[in-house]
Every structure is written in C-alpha cells, then in structure tokens.
C-alpha cells in the first residue's frame, strides 16, 4: 500500500450547499441559484481551460474564486499570477462580479511550520494583490484560518481543527468557510 490512508471525517454539507441553503432561507423573495464547478486537484491553468463551458456558459452574476493550494505546490508563482489575472479578466469582460478568495492551507499549525507555509503564503499574497489590482472583493481565507487556529489550536496540531487531514475541510471547516462566504455576499 502506497502511503497511509487518512479516514475521512463524516461531512454532512459542503460550504457551497450551506451557502445556498442559508441564502434560500434569508432571501425567499429572490430566485437565487448557487452552483459549484469544482474539480479536486485543479490549478488556475485547469480553470482557464474550463471557464467558458463550466462557468461563463451558465451566465452567473457572481463568481467566487477559491483556488491556490494545488497551484502553490505545483506551478510557478508567475503562472499563478498571470492565470488568475486572465481568469478574472474573462469573467469581468462578461459582466460577472468576482469575489477572490485567498487559498487556505495544507496543515493546521498556526506558527508557520507546516511544510508548505512559505509557498502558500506567497500565493495567498498574489491572490490579495490581484484582488486589489482587479478591484474585486477579497475573502482572505488564509488569514481567517490562521487567526482561527491561533485561537482554537493551542497544541498547534497539524490537523483535526478545520480539516480532517490538514487539507480537506471537516464539517467545522465547511461551516467556517460558509460563514466567511456569506459575510462577503452581504
């Protein structure tokens, strides 16, 4: 067996479904449709290949971009930056409002000692700068996660707080991200 399998914690609802249900409850008078087009393991260049068919073709009014952990571990920073700029430009050209998220983390230690923290922070900073340059709202999930871990992970554990394996959200993580998303959609 190659590698150790990590048992997946039972997740009842992902953050997109939570956002959809809460918007349905709070805006019953509006016909709000919330959808997701995520593919695990993808990077910004992968999104660019799919954006016309998977996103623009659906005619959304708002698109939330939440990407970066895979990019930080696989592609050069310049490729991430230029790809993110191209993606946002394509969406804005179609009249779509964009909300840019910074990436989260791979590992839940709050002291900067997760293996990929330097690269992840570099890519999060690119997302922050791109949001500012393209004049789109920023949902800085990386800073929110680190602040949460500082307050709620006194033992500086690598997983088990908002993720079940240091990367994939557990139910608390999905709830946390949904709350941050809803704050930006107000």
C-alpha atoms as a PDB file:
ATOM      1  CA  UNK A   1       0.000   0.000   0.000  1.00  0.00           C
ATOM      2  CA  UNK A   2       1.471   3.332  -1.049  1.00  0.00           C
ATOM      3  CA  UNK A   3       1.087   5.801   1.793  1.00  0.00           C
ATOM      4  CA  UNK A   4      -1.137   5.906   4.823  1.00  0.00           C
ATOM      5  CA  UNK A   5      -4.856   6.374   4.285  1.00  0.00           C
ATOM      6  CA  UNK A   6      -6.454   9.085   6.379  1.00  0.00           C
ATOM      7  CA  UNK A   7     -10.014   8.313   7.451  1.00  0.00           C
ATOM      8  CA  UNK A   8     -12.390  10.942   6.117  1.00  0.00           C
ATOM      9  CA  UNK A   9     -14.488  12.572   8.808  1.00  0.00           C
ATOM     10  CA  UNK A  10     -18.190  12.488   8.079  1.00  0.00           C
ATOM     11  CA  UNK A  11     -19.099  15.703   6.289  1.00  0.00           C
ATOM     12  CA  UNK A  12     -22.825  16.302   6.012  1.00  0.00           C
ATOM     13  CA  UNK A  13     -22.746  19.508   3.933  1.00  0.00           C
ATOM     14  CA  UNK A  14     -20.086  21.272   1.958  1.00  0.00           C
ATOM     15  CA  UNK A  15     -19.717  25.041   2.210  1.00  0.00           C
ATOM     16  CA  UNK A  16     -21.394  25.759  -1.128  1.00  0.00           C
ATOM     17  CA  UNK A  17     -24.506  23.805  -0.132  1.00  0.00           C
ATOM     18  CA  UNK A  18     -24.559  25.623   3.231  1.00  0.00           C
ATOM     19  CA  UNK A  19     -24.327  28.997   1.462  1.00  0.00           C
ATOM     20  CA  UNK A  20     -27.126  28.007  -0.926  1.00  0.00           C
ATOM     21  CA  UNK A  21     -29.429  26.879   1.903  1.00  0.00           C
ATOM     22  CA  UNK A  22     -28.813  29.986   4.000  1.00  0.00           C
ATOM     23  CA  UNK A  23     -29.415  32.308   1.043  1.00  0.00           C
ATOM     24  CA  UNK A  24     -32.625  30.403   0.269  1.00  0.00           C
ATOM     25  CA  UNK A  25     -33.746  30.935   3.888  1.00  0.00           C
ATOM     26  CA  UNK A  26     -32.803  34.600   4.134  1.00  0.00           C
ATOM     27  CA  UNK A  27     -33.896  35.672   0.638  1.00  0.00           C
ATOM     28  CA  UNK A  28     -37.063  33.699  -0.030  1.00  0.00           C
ATOM     29  CA  UNK A  29     -38.339  36.547  -2.209  1.00  0.00           C
ATOM     30  CA  UNK A  30     -35.429  36.198  -4.657  1.00  0.00           C
ATOM     31  CA  UNK A  31     -34.649  33.408  -7.068  1.00  0.00           C
ATOM     32  CA  UNK A  32     -31.026  32.882  -6.090  1.00  0.00           C
ATOM     33  CA  UNK A  33     -29.273  29.936  -7.678  1.00  0.00           C
ATOM     34  CA  UNK A  34     -25.974  28.766  -6.209  1.00  0.00           C
ATOM     35  CA  UNK A  35     -23.870  26.191  -8.021  1.00  0.00           C
ATOM     36  CA  UNK A  36     -20.318  24.917  -7.885  1.00  0.00           C
ATOM     37  CA  UNK A  37     -17.879  23.820 -10.542  1.00  0.00           C
ATOM     38  CA  UNK A  38     -15.005  22.468  -8.529  1.00  0.00           C
ATOM     39  CA  UNK A  39     -12.667  19.698  -9.613  1.00  0.00           C
ATOM     40  CA  UNK A  40     -10.294  18.410  -6.972  1.00  0.00           C
ATOM     41  CA  UNK A  41      -6.619  18.804  -7.736  1.00  0.00           C
ATOM     42  CA  UNK A  42      -7.052  21.543 -10.321  1.00  0.00           C
ATOM     43  CA  UNK A  43      -4.910  24.653 -10.700  1.00  0.00           C
ATOM     44  CA  UNK A  44      -5.602  28.027 -12.324  1.00  0.00           C
ATOM     45  CA  UNK A  45      -4.429  26.798 -15.763  1.00  0.00           C
ATOM     46  CA  UNK A  46      -7.012  23.994 -15.445  1.00  0.00           C
ATOM     47  CA  UNK A  47      -9.718  26.551 -14.616  1.00  0.00           C
ATOM     48  CA  UNK A  48      -8.824  28.599 -17.669  1.00  0.00           C
ATOM     49  CA  UNK A  49      -9.391  25.545 -19.867  1.00  0.00           C
ATOM     50  CA  UNK A  50     -12.878  25.067 -18.393  1.00  0.00           C
ATOM     51  CA  UNK A  51     -14.103  28.608 -17.687  1.00  0.00           C
ATOM     52  CA  UNK A  52     -16.048  29.182 -20.920  1.00  0.00           C
ATOM     53  CA  UNK A  53     -18.054  25.955 -20.716  1.00  0.00           C
ATOM     54  CA  UNK A  54     -18.279  25.414 -16.951  1.00  0.00           C
ATOM     55  CA  UNK A  55     -18.796  28.994 -15.783  1.00  0.00           C
ATOM     56  CA  UNK A  56     -19.388  31.693 -18.395  1.00  0.00           C
ATOM     57  CA  UNK A  57     -21.790  29.469 -20.346  1.00  0.00           C
ATOM     58  CA  UNK A  58     -24.025  29.277 -17.252  1.00  0.00           C
ATOM     59  CA  UNK A  59     -24.400  33.093 -17.173  1.00  0.00           C
ATOM     60  CA  UNK A  60     -23.705  33.689 -13.463  1.00  0.00           C
ATOM     61  CA  UNK A  61     -23.916  37.136 -11.899  1.00  0.00           C
ATOM     62  CA  UNK A  62     -21.320  36.429  -9.193  1.00  0.00           C
ATOM     63  CA  UNK A  63     -18.376  34.002  -9.226  1.00  0.00           C
ATOM     64  CA  UNK A  64     -16.324  33.167  -6.154  1.00  0.00           C
ATOM     65  CA  UNK A  65     -12.795  32.019  -6.975  1.00  0.00           C
ATOM     66  CA  UNK A  66     -11.254  29.860  -4.273  1.00  0.00           C
ATOM     67  CA  UNK A  67      -8.053  28.221  -5.516  1.00  0.00           C
ATOM     68  CA  UNK A  68      -4.352  28.141  -4.819  1.00  0.00           C
ATOM     69  CA  UNK A  69      -3.183  25.273  -2.581  1.00  0.00           C
ATOM     70  CA  UNK A  70      -2.529  22.948  -5.529  1.00  0.00           C
ATOM     71  CA  UNK A  71      -1.016  25.817  -7.521  1.00  0.00           C
ATOM     72  CA  UNK A  72       1.450  26.678  -4.741  1.00  0.00           C
ATOM     73  CA  UNK A  73       2.714  23.110  -4.698  1.00  0.00           C
ATOM     74  CA  UNK A  74       2.827  22.544  -8.475  1.00  0.00           C
ATOM     75  CA  UNK A  75       3.239  25.637 -10.657  1.00  0.00           C
ATOM     76  CA  UNK A  76       5.447  28.745 -10.675  1.00  0.00           C
ATOM     77  CA  UNK A  77       4.136  31.853  -8.937  1.00  0.00           C
ATOM     78  CA  UNK A  78       4.259  33.820 -12.207  1.00  0.00           C
ATOM     79  CA  UNK A  79       1.981  31.247 -13.867  1.00  0.00           C
ATOM     80  CA  UNK A  80      -0.488  31.500 -10.980  1.00  0.00           C
ATOM     81  CA  UNK A  81      -0.476  35.293 -11.114  1.00  0.00           C
ATOM     82  CA  UNK A  82      -0.920  35.591 -14.886  1.00  0.00           C
ATOM     83  CA  UNK A  83      -3.542  32.848 -14.925  1.00  0.00           C
ATOM     84  CA  UNK A  84      -5.539  34.403 -12.102  1.00  0.00           C
ATOM     85  CA  UNK A  85      -5.410  37.779 -13.837  1.00  0.00           C
ATOM     86  CA  UNK A  86      -6.615  36.219 -17.093  1.00  0.00           C
ATOM     87  CA  UNK A  87      -9.412  34.335 -15.305  1.00  0.00           C
ATOM     88  CA  UNK A  88     -10.709  37.441 -13.527  1.00  0.00           C
ATOM     89  CA  UNK A  89     -10.473  39.499 -16.721  1.00  0.00           C
ATOM     90  CA  UNK A  90     -12.502  36.896 -18.669  1.00  0.00           C
ATOM     91  CA  UNK A  91     -15.210  36.934 -16.011  1.00  0.00           C
ATOM     92  CA  UNK A  92     -15.296  40.729 -15.727  1.00  0.00           C
ATOM     93  CA  UNK A  93     -15.451  41.093 -19.521  1.00  0.00           C
ATOM     94  CA  UNK A  94     -18.667  39.055 -19.381  1.00  0.00           C
ATOM     95  CA  UNK A  95     -20.094  41.392 -16.722  1.00  0.00           C
ATOM     96  CA  UNK A  96     -19.670  38.851 -13.930  1.00  0.00           C
ATOM     97  CA  UNK A  97     -18.895  40.138 -10.433  1.00  0.00           C
ATOM     98  CA  UNK A  98     -15.899  38.303  -8.955  1.00  0.00           C
ATOM     99  CA  UNK A  99     -15.077  37.611  -5.330  1.00  0.00           C
ATOM    100  CA  UNK A 100     -11.479  36.427  -4.918  1.00  0.00           C
ATOM    101  CA  UNK A 101     -10.538  34.163  -2.025  1.00  0.00           C
ATOM    102  CA  UNK A 102      -7.026  33.614  -0.840  1.00  0.00           C
ATOM    103  CA  UNK A 103      -6.049  29.973  -0.524  1.00  0.00           C
ATOM    104  CA  UNK A 104      -6.324  28.256   2.820  1.00  0.00           C
ATOM    105  CA  UNK A 105      -3.578  25.916   3.984  1.00  0.00           C
ATOM    106  CA  UNK A 106      -2.068  22.470   3.899  1.00  0.00           C
ATOM    107  CA  UNK A 107      -1.576  21.742   7.580  1.00  0.00           C
ATOM    108  CA  UNK A 108      -3.248  23.474  10.507  1.00  0.00           C
ATOM    109  CA  UNK A 109      -0.251  24.558  12.555  1.00  0.00           C
ATOM    110  CA  UNK A 110      -0.607  28.264  13.225  1.00  0.00           C
ATOM    111  CA  UNK A 111       3.070  29.044  13.761  1.00  0.00           C
ATOM    112  CA  UNK A 112       4.228  28.842  10.136  1.00  0.00           C
ATOM    113  CA  UNK A 113       5.786  25.383  10.459  1.00  0.00           C
ATOM    114  CA  UNK A 114       3.514  23.489   8.058  1.00  0.00           C
ATOM    115  CA  UNK A 115       5.732  22.122   5.270  1.00  0.00           C
ATOM    116  CA  UNK A 116       4.299  24.314   2.510  1.00  0.00           C
ATOM    117  CA  UNK A 117       3.609  27.510   4.501  1.00  0.00           C
ATOM    118  CA  UNK A 118       6.178  29.754   2.746  1.00  0.00           C
ATOM    119  CA  UNK A 119       4.851  28.882  -0.750  1.00  0.00           C
ATOM    120  CA  UNK A 120       1.237  29.047   0.397  1.00  0.00           C
ATOM    121  CA  UNK A 121       1.759  32.493   1.892  1.00  0.00           C
ATOM    122  CA  UNK A 122       3.462  33.671  -1.313  1.00  0.00           C
ATOM    123  CA  UNK A 123       0.478  32.522  -3.394  1.00  0.00           C
ATOM    124  CA  UNK A 124      -2.031  33.959  -0.897  1.00  0.00           C
ATOM    125  CA  UNK A 125      -0.266  37.299  -1.259  1.00  0.00           C
ATOM    126  CA  UNK A 126      -0.603  37.066  -5.048  1.00  0.00           C
ATOM    127  CA  UNK A 127      -4.364  36.493  -4.644  1.00  0.00           C
ATOM    128  CA  UNK A 128      -4.584  39.511  -2.300  1.00  0.00           C
ATOM    129  CA  UNK A 129      -2.670  41.711  -4.743  1.00  0.00           C
ATOM    130  CA  UNK A 130      -4.757  40.510  -7.678  1.00  0.00           C
ATOM    131  CA  UNK A 131      -7.998  41.290  -5.840  1.00  0.00           C
ATOM    132  CA  UNK A 132      -6.749  44.801  -5.203  1.00  0.00           C
ATOM    133  CA  UNK A 133      -5.453  45.308  -8.750  1.00  0.00           C
ATOM    134  CA  UNK A 134      -8.661  43.992 -10.350  1.00  0.00           C
ATOM    135  CA  UNK A 135     -10.837  45.857  -7.828  1.00  0.00           C
ATOM    136  CA  UNK A 136     -12.714  42.784  -6.631  1.00  0.00           C
ATOM    137  CA  UNK A 137     -13.696  41.927  -3.052  1.00  0.00           C
ATOM    138  CA  UNK A 138     -11.244  39.697  -1.205  1.00  0.00           C
ATOM    139  CA  UNK A 139     -12.228  36.896   1.126  1.00  0.00           C
ATOM    140  CA  UNK A 140      -8.892  36.313   2.851  1.00  0.00           C
ATOM    141  CA  UNK A 141      -9.449  32.739   3.966  1.00  0.00           C
ATOM    142  CA  UNK A 142      -5.770  32.172   4.716  1.00  0.00           C
ATOM    143  CA  UNK A 143      -5.655  34.960   7.308  1.00  0.00           C
ATOM    144  CA  UNK A 144      -9.030  33.864   8.715  1.00  0.00           C
ATOM    145  CA  UNK A 145      -7.844  30.269   9.063  1.00  0.00           C
ATOM    146  CA  UNK A 146      -4.568  31.223  10.742  1.00  0.00           C
ATOM    147  CA  UNK A 147      -6.385  33.518  13.187  1.00  0.00           C
ATOM    148  CA  UNK A 148      -8.867  30.746  13.957  1.00  0.00           C
ATOM    149  CA  UNK A 149      -6.067  28.233  14.538  1.00  0.00           C
ATOM    150  CA  UNK A 150      -4.201  30.634  16.831  1.00  0.00           C
ATOM    151  CA  UNK A 151      -7.346  30.932  18.949  1.00  0.00           C
ATOM    152  CA  UNK A 152      -8.526  27.312  18.744  1.00  0.00           C
ATOM    153  CA  UNK A 153      -5.462  25.102  18.262  1.00  0.00           C
ATOM    154  CA  UNK A 154      -3.411  25.575  21.436  1.00  0.00           C
ATOM    155  CA  UNK A 155      -1.468  22.357  20.838  1.00  0.00           C
ATOM    156  CA  UNK A 156      -0.516  23.509  17.298  1.00  0.00           C
ATOM    157  CA  UNK A 157      -1.798  20.243  15.781  1.00  0.00           C
ATOM    158  CA  UNK A 158      -1.371  19.693  12.042  1.00  0.00           C
ATOM    159  CA  UNK A 159      -4.972  18.503  11.505  1.00  0.00           C
ATOM    160  CA  UNK A 160      -8.321  17.966  13.177  1.00  0.00           C
ATOM    161  CA  UNK A 161      -9.450  21.546  13.765  1.00  0.00           C
ATOM    162  CA  UNK A 162     -10.969  22.714  10.446  1.00  0.00           C
ATOM    163  CA  UNK A 163      -9.684  19.796   8.348  1.00  0.00           C
ATOM    164  CA  UNK A 164      -9.613  16.066   8.803  1.00  0.00           C
ATOM    165  CA  UNK A 165      -6.175  15.686   7.195  1.00  0.00           C
ATOM    166  CA  UNK A 166      -4.593  19.143   7.212  1.00  0.00           C
ATOM    167  CA  UNK A 167      -6.024  19.991   3.775  1.00  0.00           C
ATOM    168  CA  UNK A 168      -9.607  18.795   3.243  1.00  0.00           C
ATOM    169  CA  UNK A 169     -12.276  20.530   5.308  1.00  0.00           C
ATOM    170  CA  UNK A 170     -14.123  18.662   8.011  1.00  0.00           C
ATOM    171  CA  UNK A 171     -17.653  19.825   8.868  1.00  0.00           C
ATOM    172  CA  UNK A 172     -16.327  22.608  11.114  1.00  0.00           C
ATOM    173  CA  UNK A 173     -14.149  23.773   8.205  1.00  0.00           C
ATOM    174  CA  UNK A 174     -17.067  23.789   5.769  1.00  0.00           C
ATOM    175  CA  UNK A 175     -19.178  25.738   8.278  1.00  0.00           C
ATOM    176  CA  UNK A 176     -16.323  28.209   8.824  1.00  0.00           C
ATOM    177  CA  UNK A 177     -15.803  28.813   5.083  1.00  0.00           C
ATOM    178  CA  UNK A 178     -19.571  29.164   4.522  1.00  0.00           C
ATOM    179  CA  UNK A 179     -19.731  31.857   7.208  1.00  0.00           C
ATOM    180  CA  UNK A 180     -16.841  33.772   5.577  1.00  0.00           C
ATOM    181  CA  UNK A 181     -18.501  33.460   2.136  1.00  0.00           C
ATOM    182  CA  UNK A 182     -21.845  34.717   3.430  1.00  0.00           C
ATOM    183  CA  UNK A 183     -20.136  37.719   5.030  1.00  0.00           C
ATOM    184  CA  UNK A 184     -18.792  38.692   1.589  1.00  0.00           C
ATOM    185  CA  UNK A 185     -22.160  38.230  -0.101  1.00  0.00           C
ATOM    186  CA  UNK A 186     -23.975  40.710   2.171  1.00  0.00           C
END
